[in-house]
């Protein structure tokens, strides 16, 4: 059995939640103060995901780099692989917030989008 202590980030209470289970199943959740905390802890235990923010090279922009992010969270264990791809991106104008500069990074379903213009 695996046991993890997770700090919930859903609300300001920052509950310290203990989750027990296996790689594929949650057996118990303790230490939460709301139902949203249960859902967050279970998801974090079984399939942790993170948003990625970074900068990429920008041709013709006011600075040499421009900020980007993922359009949705990607699996936490794929962050390093995603960053290896992101660091090779070079963006040309137009520089518009929300513009997709790379679709479906590593088949995660997440796009890399500009966050500055």
N, C-alpha and C. Protein backbone atom coordinates (compact mmCIF):
# COMPACT_ATOMS: atom_id res chain seq x y z
N UNK A 1 0.84 -1.19 0.00
CA UNK A 1 0.00 0.00 0.00
C UNK A 1 0.89 1.25 0.00
N UNK A 2 0.48 2.19 -0.79
CA UNK A 2 1.18 3.48 -0.89
C UNK A 2 0.45 4.49 -0.03
N UNK A 3 1.21 5.32 0.69
CA UNK A 3 0.62 6.40 1.48
C UNK A 3 1.32 7.70 1.11
N UNK A 4 0.53 8.73 0.79
CA UNK A 4 1.08 10.03 0.45
C UNK A 4 0.38 11.10 1.26
N UNK A 5 1.16 12.08 1.70
CA UNK A 5 0.58 13.26 2.33
C UNK A 5 0.57 14.37 1.29
N UNK A 6 -0.61 14.94 1.06
CA UNK A 6 -0.81 15.94 0.03
C UNK A 6 -1.33 17.21 0.67
N UNK A 7 -0.76 18.35 0.32
CA UNK A 7 -1.29 19.63 0.77
C UNK A 7 -2.27 20.11 -0.28
N UNK A 8 -3.52 20.27 0.13
CA UNK A 8 -4.56 20.69 -0.80
C UNK A 8 -4.38 22.17 -1.13
N UNK A 9 -4.54 22.50 -2.40
CA UNK A 9 -4.39 23.89 -2.85
C UNK A 9 -5.70 24.48 -3.38
N UNK A 10 -6.79 23.78 -3.15
CA UNK A 10 -8.08 24.21 -3.68
C UNK A 10 -8.61 25.45 -2.97
N UNK A 11 -8.43 25.54 -1.67
CA UNK A 11 -8.90 26.72 -0.93
C UNK A 11 -7.82 27.18 0.04
N UNK A 12 -8.01 28.30 0.71
CA UNK A 12 -6.98 28.82 1.63
C UNK A 12 -6.72 27.97 2.87
N UNK A 13 -7.55 26.97 3.15
CA UNK A 13 -7.33 26.12 4.34
C UNK A 13 -6.06 25.30 4.24
N UNK A 14 -5.61 24.96 3.05
CA UNK A 14 -4.39 24.18 2.82
C UNK A 14 -4.34 22.91 3.68
N UNK A 15 -5.40 22.13 3.63
CA UNK A 15 -5.48 20.90 4.42
C UNK A 15 -4.34 19.95 4.07
N UNK A 16 -3.83 19.28 5.09
CA UNK A 16 -2.83 18.23 4.91
C UNK A 16 -3.60 16.92 4.84
N UNK A 17 -3.73 16.39 3.64
CA UNK A 17 -4.57 15.22 3.40
C UNK A 17 -3.69 13.98 3.21
N UNK A 18 -4.05 12.90 3.89
CA UNK A 18 -3.35 11.63 3.76
C UNK A 18 -4.17 10.71 2.87
N UNK A 19 -3.55 10.22 1.82
CA UNK A 19 -4.22 9.32 0.88
C UNK A 19 -3.47 7.99 0.90
N UNK A 20 -4.26 6.91 0.99
CA UNK A 20 -3.69 5.56 0.95
C UNK A 20 -4.33 4.79 -0.19
N UNK A 21 -3.52 3.96 -0.86
CA UNK A 21 -4.04 3.16 -1.95
C UNK A 21 -2.93 2.52 -2.75
N UNK A 22 -3.28 2.15 -3.98
CA UNK A 22 -2.33 1.55 -4.89
C UNK A 22 -2.14 2.49 -6.08
N UNK A 23 -1.36 2.04 -7.05
CA UNK A 23 -1.15 2.87 -8.25
C UNK A 23 -2.43 3.15 -9.01
N UNK A 24 -3.43 2.29 -8.85
CA UNK A 24 -4.65 2.43 -9.64
C UNK A 24 -5.92 2.66 -8.83
N UNK A 25 -5.80 2.71 -7.48
CA UNK A 25 -7.02 2.82 -6.67
C UNK A 25 -6.74 3.54 -5.35
N UNK A 26 -7.65 4.41 -4.96
CA UNK A 26 -7.58 5.09 -3.67
C UNK A 26 -8.40 4.27 -2.67
N UNK A 27 -7.78 3.95 -1.55
CA UNK A 27 -8.49 3.18 -0.53
C UNK A 27 -9.03 4.06 0.59
N UNK A 28 -8.29 5.12 0.95
CA UNK A 28 -8.78 6.01 2.00
C UNK A 28 -8.20 7.41 1.84
N UNK A 29 -9.00 8.38 2.29
CA UNK A 29 -8.60 9.79 2.26
C UNK A 29 -8.94 10.37 3.62
N UNK A 30 -7.96 10.97 4.30
CA UNK A 30 -8.17 11.54 5.64
C UNK A 30 -7.54 12.93 5.73
N UNK A 31 -8.15 13.80 6.53
CA UNK A 31 -7.57 15.11 6.82
C UNK A 31 -8.15 16.24 6.00
N UNK A 32 -9.15 15.99 5.20
CA UNK A 32 -9.76 17.02 4.37
C UNK A 32 -10.86 17.74 5.15
N UNK A 33 -11.17 18.96 4.72
CA UNK A 33 -12.26 19.69 5.37
C UNK A 33 -13.43 19.95 4.43
N UNK A 34 -13.28 19.57 3.14
CA UNK A 34 -14.39 19.74 2.20
C UNK A 34 -14.32 18.68 1.11
N UNK A 35 -15.42 18.49 0.41
CA UNK A 35 -15.48 17.48 -0.65
C UNK A 35 -14.53 17.79 -1.80
N UNK A 36 -14.31 19.09 -2.04
CA UNK A 36 -13.38 19.46 -3.11
C UNK A 36 -11.97 18.96 -2.78
N UNK A 37 -11.65 18.94 -1.51
CA UNK A 37 -10.35 18.44 -1.08
C UNK A 37 -10.19 16.95 -1.36
N UNK A 38 -11.26 16.20 -1.18
CA UNK A 38 -11.23 14.77 -1.49
C UNK A 38 -10.90 14.57 -2.97
N UNK A 39 -11.65 15.26 -3.83
CA UNK A 39 -11.45 15.11 -5.28
C UNK A 39 -10.03 15.51 -5.68
N UNK A 40 -9.54 16.63 -5.12
CA UNK A 40 -8.18 17.08 -5.45
C UNK A 40 -7.16 16.03 -5.01
N UNK A 41 -7.27 15.52 -3.79
CA UNK A 41 -6.29 14.57 -3.26
C UNK A 41 -6.30 13.27 -4.06
N UNK A 42 -7.49 12.80 -4.43
CA UNK A 42 -7.57 11.57 -5.22
C UNK A 42 -6.91 11.75 -6.59
N UNK A 43 -7.20 12.88 -7.24
CA UNK A 43 -6.59 13.14 -8.55
C UNK A 43 -5.08 13.29 -8.43
N UNK A 44 -4.62 13.98 -7.40
CA UNK A 44 -3.19 14.20 -7.19
C UNK A 44 -2.49 12.87 -6.88
N UNK A 45 -3.16 11.98 -6.19
CA UNK A 45 -2.61 10.67 -5.85
C UNK A 45 -2.49 9.77 -7.08
N UNK A 46 -3.56 9.71 -7.87
CA UNK A 46 -3.62 8.78 -9.00
C UNK A 46 -2.97 9.32 -10.27
N UNK A 47 -3.23 10.58 -10.59
CA UNK A 47 -2.76 11.15 -11.85
C UNK A 47 -2.37 12.61 -11.67
N UNK A 48 -1.24 12.90 -11.02
CA UNK A 48 -0.87 14.30 -10.80
C UNK A 48 -0.58 15.02 -12.12
N UNK A 49 -1.09 16.23 -12.23
CA UNK A 49 -0.90 17.05 -13.42
C UNK A 49 -0.45 18.44 -13.02
N UNK A 50 0.23 19.11 -13.93
CA UNK A 50 0.69 20.47 -13.68
C UNK A 50 0.58 21.31 -14.94
N UNK A 51 0.32 22.60 -14.77
CA UNK A 51 0.45 23.54 -15.86
C UNK A 51 1.93 23.88 -16.00
N UNK A 52 2.34 24.15 -17.20
CA UNK A 52 3.73 24.53 -17.45
C UNK A 52 3.74 25.97 -17.93
N UNK A 53 4.62 26.77 -17.35
CA UNK A 53 4.87 28.13 -17.84
C UNK A 53 6.36 28.22 -18.17
N UNK A 54 6.66 28.93 -19.23
CA UNK A 54 8.04 29.02 -19.67
C UNK A 54 8.20 30.25 -20.57
N UNK A 55 9.39 30.43 -21.08
CA UNK A 55 9.64 31.45 -22.12
C UNK A 55 10.27 30.74 -23.31
N UNK A 56 9.99 31.29 -24.50
CA UNK A 56 10.57 30.77 -25.73
C UNK A 56 11.21 31.92 -26.50
N UNK A 57 12.07 31.59 -27.42
CA UNK A 57 12.71 32.61 -28.26
C UNK A 57 11.66 33.28 -29.13
N UNK A 58 11.83 34.59 -29.35
CA UNK A 58 10.88 35.36 -30.15
C UNK A 58 11.62 36.24 -31.15
N UNK A 59 11.39 35.99 -32.41
CA UNK A 59 11.99 36.81 -33.48
C UNK A 59 11.15 38.06 -33.69
N UNK A 60 11.77 39.23 -33.59
CA UNK A 60 11.06 40.48 -33.86
C UNK A 60 10.20 40.97 -32.71
N UNK A 61 10.38 40.43 -31.53
CA UNK A 61 9.65 40.88 -30.35
C UNK A 61 10.49 41.93 -29.63
N UNK A 62 9.87 42.67 -28.69
CA UNK A 62 10.59 43.73 -27.98
C UNK A 62 11.70 43.20 -27.07
N UNK A 63 11.63 41.95 -26.71
CA UNK A 63 12.68 41.29 -25.94
C UNK A 63 13.04 39.99 -26.66
N UNK A 64 14.15 39.35 -26.32
CA UNK A 64 14.54 38.12 -27.03
C UNK A 64 13.63 36.92 -26.77
N UNK A 65 12.82 36.99 -25.69
CA UNK A 65 11.96 35.86 -25.34
C UNK A 65 10.54 36.35 -25.06
N UNK A 66 9.59 35.41 -25.13
CA UNK A 66 8.19 35.71 -24.83
C UNK A 66 7.63 34.56 -23.99
N UNK A 67 6.70 34.88 -23.10
CA UNK A 67 6.17 33.87 -22.19
C UNK A 67 5.08 33.01 -22.85
N UNK A 68 5.08 31.74 -22.46
CA UNK A 68 4.10 30.77 -22.94
C UNK A 68 3.63 29.92 -21.76
N UNK A 69 2.53 29.19 -21.99
CA UNK A 69 2.04 28.24 -21.00
C UNK A 69 1.28 27.13 -21.71
N UNK A 70 1.00 26.08 -20.98
CA UNK A 70 0.16 25.02 -21.53
C UNK A 70 -1.29 25.46 -21.42
N UNK A 71 -2.11 25.02 -22.37
CA UNK A 71 -3.53 25.37 -22.37
C UNK A 71 -4.31 24.59 -21.32
N UNK A 72 -3.72 23.51 -20.84
CA UNK A 72 -4.31 22.71 -19.77
C UNK A 72 -3.18 21.94 -19.10
N UNK A 73 -3.43 21.39 -17.92
CA UNK A 73 -2.36 20.66 -17.25
C UNK A 73 -1.91 19.43 -18.04
N UNK A 74 -0.64 19.08 -17.85
CA UNK A 74 -0.07 17.89 -18.46
C UNK A 74 0.37 16.95 -17.33
N UNK A 75 0.50 15.65 -17.61
CA UNK A 75 0.95 14.73 -16.56
C UNK A 75 2.28 15.20 -15.95
N UNK A 76 2.34 15.16 -14.65
CA UNK A 76 3.52 15.65 -13.95
C UNK A 76 4.79 14.93 -14.39
N UNK A 77 4.68 13.64 -14.68
CA UNK A 77 5.88 12.90 -15.08
C UNK A 77 6.34 13.20 -16.50
N UNK A 78 5.60 14.05 -17.22
CA UNK A 78 6.00 14.45 -18.57
C UNK A 78 6.53 15.88 -18.63
N UNK A 79 6.62 16.55 -17.48
CA UNK A 79 7.08 17.94 -17.46
C UNK A 79 8.44 18.13 -18.11
N UNK A 80 9.39 17.31 -17.75
CA UNK A 80 10.75 17.47 -18.28
C UNK A 80 10.77 17.25 -19.79
N UNK A 81 10.05 16.25 -20.27
CA UNK A 81 9.98 15.99 -21.71
C UNK A 81 9.34 17.18 -22.43
N UNK A 82 8.27 17.72 -21.86
CA UNK A 82 7.62 18.88 -22.46
C UNK A 82 8.57 20.07 -22.51
N UNK A 83 9.31 20.29 -21.45
CA UNK A 83 10.26 21.41 -21.43
C UNK A 83 11.35 21.23 -22.48
N UNK A 84 11.77 19.99 -22.74
CA UNK A 84 12.76 19.74 -23.79
C UNK A 84 12.22 20.18 -25.15
N UNK A 85 10.92 19.98 -25.39
CA UNK A 85 10.30 20.40 -26.65
C UNK A 85 10.12 21.92 -26.66
N UNK A 86 9.62 22.47 -25.55
CA UNK A 86 9.33 23.91 -25.46
C UNK A 86 10.60 24.75 -25.67
N UNK A 87 11.72 24.31 -25.13
CA UNK A 87 12.93 25.12 -25.25
C UNK A 87 13.44 25.24 -26.68
N UNK A 88 12.93 24.43 -27.59
CA UNK A 88 13.32 24.50 -29.00
C UNK A 88 12.40 25.39 -29.82
N UNK A 89 11.31 25.88 -29.25
CA UNK A 89 10.35 26.70 -29.98
C UNK A 89 10.91 28.09 -30.24
N UNK A 90 10.72 28.57 -31.45
CA UNK A 90 11.05 29.95 -31.82
C UNK A 90 9.78 30.54 -32.43
N UNK A 91 9.31 31.67 -31.90
CA UNK A 91 8.06 32.27 -32.33
C UNK A 91 8.33 33.50 -33.19
N UNK A 92 7.57 33.60 -34.27
CA UNK A 92 7.59 34.78 -35.14
C UNK A 92 6.28 35.53 -34.95
N UNK A 93 6.24 36.82 -35.35
CA UNK A 93 4.99 37.58 -35.23
C UNK A 93 3.86 36.87 -35.99
N UNK A 94 2.62 37.11 -35.65
CA UNK A 94 2.13 38.09 -34.68
C UNK A 94 2.20 37.54 -33.25
N UNK A 95 2.38 38.44 -32.31
CA UNK A 95 2.45 38.09 -30.89
C UNK A 95 1.13 38.46 -30.23
N UNK A 96 0.22 37.52 -30.14
CA UNK A 96 -1.10 37.75 -29.57
C UNK A 96 -1.36 36.78 -28.43
N UNK A 97 -1.85 37.28 -27.31
CA UNK A 97 -2.17 36.43 -26.18
C UNK A 97 -3.14 35.34 -26.63
N UNK A 98 -2.84 34.11 -26.27
CA UNK A 98 -3.70 32.99 -26.60
C UNK A 98 -3.35 32.30 -27.91
N UNK A 99 -2.45 32.89 -28.68
CA UNK A 99 -2.07 32.26 -29.95
C UNK A 99 -1.37 30.94 -29.68
N UNK A 100 -1.81 29.90 -30.37
CA UNK A 100 -1.20 28.58 -30.23
C UNK A 100 0.10 28.56 -31.04
N UNK A 101 1.20 28.25 -30.35
CA UNK A 101 2.50 28.17 -31.04
C UNK A 101 2.94 26.72 -31.23
N UNK A 102 2.30 25.78 -30.51
CA UNK A 102 2.56 24.36 -30.69
C UNK A 102 1.31 23.60 -30.25
N UNK A 103 0.74 22.84 -31.15
CA UNK A 103 -0.46 22.07 -30.83
C UNK A 103 -0.11 20.71 -30.22
N UNK A 104 -0.90 20.29 -29.25
CA UNK A 104 -0.87 18.94 -28.70
C UNK A 104 0.54 18.44 -28.37
N UNK A 105 1.21 19.15 -27.49
CA UNK A 105 2.58 18.79 -27.14
C UNK A 105 2.65 17.35 -26.63
N UNK A 106 3.48 16.56 -27.25
CA UNK A 106 3.72 15.16 -26.90
C UNK A 106 2.43 14.36 -26.71
N UNK A 107 1.43 14.64 -27.50
CA UNK A 107 0.14 13.93 -27.46
C UNK A 107 -0.55 14.02 -26.10
N UNK A 108 -0.36 15.12 -25.40
CA UNK A 108 -1.00 15.31 -24.09
C UNK A 108 -2.37 15.96 -24.23
N UNK A 109 -2.66 16.51 -25.39
CA UNK A 109 -3.90 17.26 -25.57
C UNK A 109 -3.76 18.72 -25.20
N UNK A 110 -2.59 19.11 -24.71
CA UNK A 110 -2.34 20.50 -24.32
C UNK A 110 -1.59 21.23 -25.42
N UNK A 111 -2.02 22.44 -25.69
CA UNK A 111 -1.33 23.32 -26.63
C UNK A 111 -0.40 24.25 -25.87
N UNK A 112 0.64 24.73 -26.55
CA UNK A 112 1.51 25.76 -25.97
C UNK A 112 1.01 27.09 -26.54
N UNK A 113 0.65 28.01 -25.66
CA UNK A 113 0.06 29.28 -26.09
C UNK A 113 0.84 30.47 -25.53
N UNK A 114 0.79 31.57 -26.29
CA UNK A 114 1.44 32.82 -25.84
C UNK A 114 0.64 33.43 -24.69
N UNK A 115 1.34 34.03 -23.75
CA UNK A 115 0.67 34.68 -22.63
C UNK A 115 0.99 36.18 -22.57
N UNK A 116 1.64 36.67 -23.60
CA UNK A 116 2.00 38.09 -23.64
C UNK A 116 1.89 38.58 -25.08
N UNK A 117 1.68 39.89 -25.25
CA UNK A 117 1.68 40.43 -26.61
C UNK A 117 2.38 41.78 -26.66
